[in-house]
Amino acid sequence: MVVVTLQRNKCIGCNYCVELAPAYFRMSKKDGKSVLLHSEEKRGFFTLKIADNAQFETCELAAKACPVKIISTKLI
């Protein structure tokens, strides 16, 4: 299982995550920040659990491209 976490309040709206993992990220039209689709929010952190381990590389690319390092991925 892949766990993706986004600390949305620190997002600068660069759009790299959307370009690299469009199935999981979108840009909000309201505030221009990234949204982790289908995630659950807890204390400012948005978390998504993906059952398909093959998606780890896609999400990891988005995390590495983030200039403010607010996306994390891990395999559990």
PDB file of N, CA and C in Angstrom:
ATOM      1  N   MET A   1       0.833  -1.175   0.000  1.00  0.00           N
ATOM      2  CA  MET A   1       0.000   0.000   0.000  1.00  0.00           C
ATOM      3  C   MET A   1       0.886   1.251   0.000  1.00  0.00           C
ATOM      4  N   VAL A   2       0.492   2.233  -0.780  1.00  0.00           N
ATOM      5  CA  VAL A   2       1.206   3.502  -0.883  1.00  0.00           C
ATOM      6  C   VAL A   2       0.447   4.540  -0.055  1.00  0.00           C
ATOM      7  N   VAL A   3       1.167   5.293   0.765  1.00  0.00           N
ATOM      8  CA  VAL A   3       0.568   6.369   1.548  1.00  0.00           C
ATOM      9  C   VAL A   3       1.176   7.684   1.078  1.00  0.00           C
ATOM     10  N   VAL A   4       0.309   8.590   0.604  1.00  0.00           N
ATOM     11  CA  VAL A   4       0.731   9.896   0.123  1.00  0.00           C
ATOM     12  C   VAL A   4       0.187  10.944   1.083  1.00  0.00           C
ATOM     13  N   THR A   5       1.048  11.873   1.495  1.00  0.00           N
ATOM     14  CA  THR A   5       0.635  12.931   2.406  1.00  0.00           C
ATOM     15  C   THR A   5       0.981  14.292   1.812  1.00  0.00           C
ATOM     16  N   LEU A   6       0.072  15.233   1.947  1.00  0.00           N
ATOM     17  CA  LEU A   6       0.246  16.589   1.442  1.00  0.00           C
ATOM     18  C   LEU A   6      -0.016  17.575   2.571  1.00  0.00           C
ATOM     19  N   GLN A   7       0.927  18.482   2.802  1.00  0.00           N
ATOM     20  CA  GLN A   7       0.743  19.555   3.779  1.00  0.00           C
ATOM     21  C   GLN A   7       0.296  20.790   2.990  1.00  0.00           C
ATOM     22  N   ARG A   8      -0.993  20.860   2.731  1.00  0.00           N
ATOM     23  CA  ARG A   8      -1.562  21.798   1.769  1.00  0.00           C
ATOM     24  C   ARG A   8      -1.348  23.269   2.109  1.00  0.00           C
ATOM     25  N   ASN A   9      -1.358  23.638   3.379  1.00  0.00           N
ATOM     26  CA  ASN A   9      -1.254  25.053   3.732  1.00  0.00           C
ATOM     27  C   ASN A   9       0.084  25.674   3.332  1.00  0.00           C
ATOM     28  N   LYS A  10       1.095  24.860   3.073  1.00  0.00           N
ATOM     29  CA  LYS A  10       2.407  25.371   2.661  1.00  0.00           C
ATOM     30  C   LYS A  10       2.609  25.333   1.148  1.00  0.00           C
ATOM     31  N   CYS A  11       1.587  24.921   0.413  1.00  0.00           N
ATOM     32  CA  CYS A  11       1.679  24.816  -1.041  1.00  0.00           C
ATOM     33  C   CYS A  11       1.861  26.199  -1.667  1.00  0.00           C
ATOM     34  N   ILE A  12       2.750  26.287  -2.666  1.00  0.00           N
ATOM     35  CA  ILE A  12       2.983  27.547  -3.375  1.00  0.00           C
ATOM     36  C   ILE A  12       2.338  27.548  -4.762  1.00  0.00           C
ATOM     37  N   GLY A  13       1.666  26.466  -5.124  1.00  0.00           N
ATOM     38  CA  GLY A  13       0.926  26.405  -6.378  1.00  0.00           C
ATOM     39  C   GLY A  13       1.771  26.275  -7.629  1.00  0.00           C
ATOM     40  N   CYS A  14       2.885  25.568  -7.549  1.00  0.00           N
ATOM     41  CA  CYS A  14       3.782  25.447  -8.704  1.00  0.00           C
ATOM     42  C   CYS A  14       3.250  24.510  -9.793  1.00  0.00           C
ATOM     43  N   ASN A  15       2.334  23.595  -9.433  1.00  0.00           N
ATOM     44  CA  ASN A  15       1.666  22.691 -10.383  1.00  0.00           C
ATOM     45  C   ASN A  15       2.497  21.473 -10.792  1.00  0.00           C
ATOM     46  N   TYR A  16       3.680  21.270 -10.258  1.00  0.00           N
ATOM     47  CA  TYR A  16       4.495  20.103 -10.631  1.00  0.00           C
ATOM     48  C   TYR A  16       3.803  18.792 -10.277  1.00  0.00           C
ATOM     49  N   CYS A  17       3.174  18.730  -9.113  1.00  0.00           N
ATOM     50  CA  CYS A  17       2.520  17.491  -8.694  1.00  0.00           C
ATOM     51  C   CYS A  17       1.399  17.108  -9.658  1.00  0.00           C
ATOM     52  N   VAL A  18       0.665  18.098 -10.140  1.00  0.00           N
ATOM     53  CA  VAL A  18      -0.426  17.835 -11.086  1.00  0.00           C
ATOM     54  C   VAL A  18       0.126  17.329 -12.413  1.00  0.00           C
ATOM     55  N   GLU A  19       1.220  17.906 -12.853  1.00  0.00           N
ATOM     56  CA  GLU A  19       1.824  17.485 -14.113  1.00  0.00           C
ATOM     57  C   GLU A  19       2.368  16.061 -14.041  1.00  0.00           C
ATOM     58  N   LEU A  20       2.932  15.674 -12.897  1.00  0.00           N
ATOM     59  CA  LEU A  20       3.566  14.365 -12.765  1.00  0.00           C
ATOM     60  C   LEU A  20       2.610  13.265 -12.291  1.00  0.00           C
ATOM     61  N   ALA A  21       1.577  13.629 -11.540  1.00  0.00           N
ATOM     62  CA  ALA A  21       0.625  12.632 -11.032  1.00  0.00           C
ATOM     63  C   ALA A  21      -0.806  13.182 -11.125  1.00  0.00           C
ATOM     64  N   PRO A  22      -1.296  13.395 -12.343  1.00  0.00           N
ATOM     65  CA  PRO A  22      -2.622  14.007 -12.505  1.00  0.00           C
ATOM     66  C   PRO A  22      -3.781  13.164 -11.975  1.00  0.00           C
ATOM     67  N   ALA A  23      -3.561  11.885 -11.782  1.00  0.00           N
ATOM     68  CA  ALA A  23      -4.617  11.032 -11.243  1.00  0.00           C
ATOM     69  C   ALA A  23      -4.834  11.277  -9.754  1.00  0.00           C
ATOM     70  N   TYR A  24      -3.868  11.918  -9.107  1.00  0.00           N
ATOM     71  CA  TYR A  24      -3.942  12.104  -7.656  1.00  0.00           C
ATOM     72  C   TYR A  24      -3.960  13.559  -7.206  1.00  0.00           C
ATOM     73  N   PHE A  25      -3.537  14.478  -8.057  1.00  0.00           N
ATOM     74  CA  PHE A  25      -3.469  15.884  -7.666  1.00  0.00           C
ATOM     75  C   PHE A  25      -4.230  16.762  -8.659  1.00  0.00           C
ATOM     76  N   ARG A  26      -4.838  17.821  -8.137  1.00  0.00           N
ATOM     77  CA  ARG A  26      -5.474  18.864  -8.927  1.00  0.00           C
ATOM     78  C   ARG A  26      -5.146  20.199  -8.272  1.00  0.00           C
ATOM     79  N   MET A  27      -5.249  21.264  -9.051  1.00  0.00           N
ATOM     80  CA  MET A  27      -5.073  22.606  -8.499  1.00  0.00           C
ATOM     81  C   MET A  27      -6.449  23.170  -8.175  1.00  0.00           C
ATOM     82  N   SER A  28      -6.578  23.763  -7.005  1.00  0.00           N
ATOM     83  CA  SER A  28      -7.839  24.367  -6.587  1.00  0.00           C
ATOM     84  C   SER A  28      -8.066  25.670  -7.345  1.00  0.00           C
ATOM     85  N   LYS A  29      -9.267  25.847  -7.858  1.00  0.00           N
ATOM     86  CA  LYS A  29      -9.600  27.100  -8.537  1.00  0.00           C
ATOM     87  C   LYS A  29      -9.836  28.214  -7.526  1.00  0.00           C
ATOM     88  N   LYS A  30     -10.111  27.852  -6.276  1.00  0.00           N
ATOM     89  CA  LYS A  30     -10.383  28.854  -5.239  1.00  0.00           C
ATOM     90  C   LYS A  30      -9.117  29.555  -4.766  1.00  0.00           C
ATOM     91  N   ASP A  31      -8.074  28.778  -4.458  1.00  0.00           N
ATOM     92  CA  ASP A  31      -6.878  29.392  -3.879  1.00  0.00           C
ATOM     93  C   ASP A  31      -5.576  29.076  -4.627  1.00  0.00           C
ATOM     94  N   GLY A  32      -5.648  28.291  -5.707  1.00  0.00           N
ATOM     95  CA  GLY A  32      -4.466  28.002  -6.511  1.00  0.00           C
ATOM     96  C   GLY A  32      -3.489  27.033  -5.882  1.00  0.00           C
ATOM     97  N   LYS A  33      -3.925  26.315  -4.845  1.00  0.00           N
ATOM     98  CA  LYS A  33      -3.062  25.334  -4.184  1.00  0.00           C
ATOM     99  C   LYS A  33      -3.439  23.925  -4.615  1.00  0.00           C
ATOM    100  N   SER A  34      -2.509  23.019  -4.411  1.00  0.00           N
ATOM    101  CA  SER A  34      -2.709  21.629  -4.783  1.00  0.00           C
ATOM    102  C   SER A  34      -3.737  20.950  -3.877  1.00  0.00           C
ATOM    103  N   VAL A  35      -4.493  20.037  -4.480  1.00  0.00           N
ATOM    104  CA  VAL A  35      -5.468  19.233  -3.752  1.00  0.00           C
ATOM    105  C   VAL A  35      -5.120  17.771  -3.995  1.00  0.00           C
ATOM    106  N   LEU A  36      -4.981  16.995  -2.935  1.00  0.00           N
ATOM    107  CA  LEU A  36      -4.764  15.552  -3.038  1.00  0.00           C
ATOM    108  C   LEU A  36      -6.138  14.900  -3.112  1.00  0.00           C
ATOM    109  N   LEU A  37      -6.478  14.384  -4.274  1.00  0.00           N
ATOM    110  CA  LEU A  37      -7.812  13.852  -4.518  1.00  0.00           C
ATOM    111  C   LEU A  37      -8.138  12.656  -3.622  1.00  0.00           C
ATOM    112  N   HIS A  38      -9.371  12.613  -3.151  1.00  0.00           N
ATOM    113  CA  HIS A  38      -9.905  11.507  -2.346  1.00  0.00           C
ATOM    114  C   HIS A  38      -9.139  11.307  -1.038  1.00  0.00           C
ATOM    115  N   SER A  39      -8.538  12.363  -0.525  1.00  0.00           N
ATOM    116  CA  SER A  39      -7.748  12.241   0.697  1.00  0.00           C
ATOM    117  C   SER A  39      -8.572  12.608   1.924  1.00  0.00           C
ATOM    118  N   GLU A  40      -8.024  12.251   3.079  1.00  0.00           N
ATOM    119  CA  GLU A  40      -8.632  12.598   4.361  1.00  0.00           C
ATOM    120  C   GLU A  40      -7.742  13.620   5.047  1.00  0.00           C
ATOM    121  N   GLU A  41      -8.353  14.668   5.616  1.00  0.00           N
ATOM    122  CA  GLU A  41      -7.603  15.734   6.270  1.00  0.00           C
ATOM    123  C   GLU A  41      -7.578  15.517   7.777  1.00  0.00           C
ATOM    124  N   LYS A  42      -6.391  15.715   8.354  1.00  0.00           N
ATOM    125  CA  LYS A  42      -6.242  15.643   9.805  1.00  0.00           C
ATOM    126  C   LYS A  42      -5.121  16.593  10.203  1.00  0.00           C
ATOM    127  N   ARG A  43      -5.487  17.641  10.925  1.00  0.00           N
ATOM    128  CA  ARG A  43      -4.530  18.637  11.426  1.00  0.00           C
ATOM    129  C   ARG A  43      -3.680  19.269  10.324  1.00  0.00           C
ATOM    130  N   GLY A  44      -4.305  19.574   9.211  1.00  0.00           N
ATOM    131  CA  GLY A  44      -3.601  20.243   8.123  1.00  0.00           C
ATOM    132  C   GLY A  44      -2.857  19.328   7.166  1.00  0.00           C
ATOM    133  N   PHE A  45      -2.869  18.039   7.432  1.00  0.00           N
ATOM    134  CA  PHE A  45      -2.228  17.064   6.557  1.00  0.00           C
ATOM    135  C   PHE A  45      -3.308  16.257   5.843  1.00  0.00           C
ATOM    136  N   PHE A  46      -3.181  16.161   4.524  1.00  0.00           N
ATOM    137  CA  PHE A  46      -4.119  15.399   3.721  1.00  0.00           C
ATOM    138  C   PHE A  46      -3.447  14.083   3.341  1.00  0.00           C
ATOM    139  N   THR A  47      -4.102  12.965   3.637  1.00  0.00           N
ATOM    140  CA  THR A  47      -3.498  11.649   3.434  1.00  0.00           C
ATOM    141  C   THR A  47      -4.387  10.790   2.536  1.00  0.00           C
ATOM    142  N   LEU A  48      -3.725  10.101   1.611  1.00  0.00           N
ATOM    143  CA  LEU A  48      -4.398   9.183   0.700  1.00  0.00           C
ATOM    144  C   LEU A  48      -3.679   7.844   0.747  1.00  0.00           C
ATOM    145  N   LYS A  49      -4.450   6.778   0.894  1.00  0.00           N
ATOM    146  CA  LYS A  49      -3.893   5.426   0.853  1.00  0.00           C
ATOM    147  C   LYS A  49      -4.292   4.785  -0.462  1.00  0.00           C
ATOM    148  N   ILE A  50      -3.289   4.296  -1.200  1.00  0.00           N
ATOM    149  CA  ILE A  50      -3.508   3.687  -2.509  1.00  0.00           C
ATOM    150  C   ILE A  50      -3.108   2.215  -2.417  1.00  0.00           C
ATOM    151  N   ALA A  51      -4.018   1.333  -2.748  1.00  0.00           N
ATOM    152  CA  ALA A  51      -3.766  -0.104  -2.627  1.00  0.00           C
ATOM    153  C   ALA A  51      -2.752  -0.617  -3.652  1.00  0.00           C
ATOM    154  N   ASP A  52      -2.635   0.049  -4.783  1.00  0.00           N
ATOM    155  CA  ASP A  52      -1.766  -0.396  -5.878  1.00  0.00           C
ATOM    156  C   ASP A  52      -0.332   0.108  -5.679  1.00  0.00           C
ATOM    157  N   ASN A  53       0.577  -0.777  -5.303  1.00  0.00           N
ATOM    158  CA  ASN A  53       1.984  -0.391  -5.082  1.00  0.00           C
ATOM    159  C   ASN A  53       2.663   0.130  -6.340  1.00  0.00           C
ATOM    160  N   ALA A  54       2.127  -0.181  -7.502  1.00  0.00           N
ATOM    161  CA  ALA A  54       2.714   0.286  -8.754  1.00  0.00           C
ATOM    162  C   ALA A  54       2.612   1.806  -8.887  1.00  0.00           C
ATOM    163  N   GLN A  55       1.754   2.434  -8.110  1.00  0.00           N
ATOM    164  CA  GLN A  55       1.578   3.882  -8.160  1.00  0.00           C
ATOM    165  C   GLN A  55       2.621   4.628  -7.323  1.00  0.00           C
ATOM    166  N   PHE A  56       3.445   3.906  -6.593  1.00  0.00           N
ATOM    167  CA  PHE A  56       4.447   4.545  -5.735  1.00  0.00           C
ATOM    168  C   PHE A  56       5.390   5.430  -6.540  1.00  0.00           C
ATOM    169  N   GLU A  57       5.882   4.931  -7.657  1.00  0.00           N
ATOM    170  CA  GLU A  57       6.857   5.691  -8.448  1.00  0.00           C
ATOM    171  C   GLU A  57       6.261   7.003  -8.955  1.00  0.00           C
ATOM    172  N   THR A  58       5.024   6.968  -9.406  1.00  0.00           N
ATOM    173  CA  THR A  58       4.356   8.176  -9.891  1.00  0.00           C
ATOM    174  C   THR A  58       4.246   9.218  -8.791  1.00  0.00           C
ATOM    175  N   CYS A  59       3.798   8.795  -7.629  1.00  0.00           N
ATOM    176  CA  CYS A  59       3.643   9.720  -6.504  1.00  0.00           C
ATOM    177  C   CYS A  59       4.993  10.180  -5.966  1.00  0.00           C
ATOM    178  N   GLU A  60       5.978   9.322  -6.011  1.00  0.00           N
ATOM    179  CA  GLU A  60       7.327   9.678  -5.556  1.00  0.00           C
ATOM    180  C   GLU A  60       7.937  10.750  -6.468  1.00  0.00           C
ATOM    181  N   LEU A  61       7.686  10.668  -7.765  1.00  0.00           N
ATOM    182  CA  LEU A  61       8.163  11.701  -8.685  1.00  0.00           C
ATOM    183  C   LEU A  61       7.561  13.062  -8.344  1.00  0.00           C
ATOM    184  N   ALA A  62       6.279  13.077  -8.031  1.00  0.00           N
ATOM    185  CA  ALA A  62       5.615  14.324  -7.641  1.00  0.00           C
ATOM    186  C   ALA A  62       6.207  14.869  -6.348  1.00  0.00           C
ATOM    187  N   ALA A  63       6.485  13.989  -5.392  1.00  0.00           N
ATOM    188  CA  ALA A  63       7.060  14.422  -4.116  1.00  0.00           C
ATOM    189  C   ALA A  63       8.462  15.001  -4.306  1.00  0.00           C
ATOM    190  N   LYS A  64       9.265  14.366  -5.144  1.00  0.00           N
ATOM    191  CA  LYS A  64      10.630  14.848  -5.377  1.00  0.00           C
ATOM    192  C   LYS A  64      10.649  16.158  -6.151  1.00  0.00           C
ATOM    193  N   ALA A  65       9.652  16.378  -6.998  1.00  0.00           N
ATOM    194  CA  ALA A  65       9.605  17.602  -7.804  1.00  0.00           C
ATOM    195  C   ALA A  65       9.107  18.807  -7.010  1.00  0.00           C
ATOM    196  N   CYS A  66       8.438  18.578  -5.906  1.00  0.00           N
ATOM    197  CA  CYS A  66       7.863  19.669  -5.116  1.00  0.00           C
ATOM    198  C   CYS A  66       8.973  20.562  -4.555  1.00  0.00           C
ATOM    199  N   PRO A  67       9.002  21.849  -4.927  1.00  0.00           N
ATOM    200  CA  PRO A  67      10.080  22.725  -4.474  1.00  0.00           C
ATOM    201  C   PRO A  67      10.028  23.053  -2.984  1.00  0.00           C
ATOM    202  N   VAL A  68       8.870  22.924  -2.350  1.00  0.00           N
ATOM    203  CA  VAL A  68       8.772  23.211  -0.915  1.00  0.00           C
ATOM    204  C   VAL A  68       8.680  21.940  -0.066  1.00  0.00           C
ATOM    205  N   LYS A  69       8.805  20.787  -0.705  1.00  0.00           N
ATOM    206  CA  LYS A  69       8.879  19.480  -0.031  1.00  0.00           C
ATOM    207  C   LYS A  69       7.727  19.229   0.942  1.00  0.00           C
ATOM    208  N   ILE A  70       6.501  19.449   0.464  1.00  0.00           N
ATOM    209  CA  ILE A  70       5.328  19.248   1.317  1.00  0.00           C
ATOM    210  C   ILE A  70       4.569  17.963   0.983  1.00  0.00           C
ATOM    211  N   ILE A  71       5.104  17.179   0.053  1.00  0.00           N
ATOM    212  CA  ILE A  71       4.497  15.900  -0.320  1.00  0.00           C
ATOM    213  C   ILE A  71       5.428  14.787   0.140  1.00  0.00           C
ATOM    214  N   SER A  72       4.865  13.785   0.804  1.00  0.00           N
ATOM    215  CA  SER A  72       5.670  12.636   1.188  1.00  0.00           C
ATOM    216  C   SER A  72       4.958  11.370   0.733  1.00  0.00           C
ATOM    217  N   THR A  73       5.763  10.356   0.415  1.00  0.00           N
ATOM    218  CA  THR A  73       5.219   9.063   0.009  1.00  0.00           C
ATOM    219  C   THR A  73       5.959   7.964   0.762  1.00  0.00           C
ATOM    220  N   LYS A  74       5.244   6.906   1.047  1.00  0.00           N
ATOM    221  CA  LYS A  74       5.891   5.733   1.660  1.00  0.00           C
ATOM    222  C   LYS A  74       5.107   4.490   1.332  1.00  0.00           C
ATOM    223  N   LEU A  75       5.811   3.392   1.320  1.00  0.00           N
ATOM    224  CA  LEU A  75       5.215   2.081   1.123  1.00  0.00           C
ATOM    225  C   LEU A  75       5.028   1.438   2.490  1.00  0.00           C
ATOM    226  N   ILE A  76       3.816   0.894   2.716  1.00  0.00           N
ATOM    227  CA  ILE A  76       3.608   0.172   3.972  1.00  0.00           C
ATOM    228  C   ILE A  76       3.072  -1.213   3.672  1.00  0.00           C
TER     229      ILE A  76
END
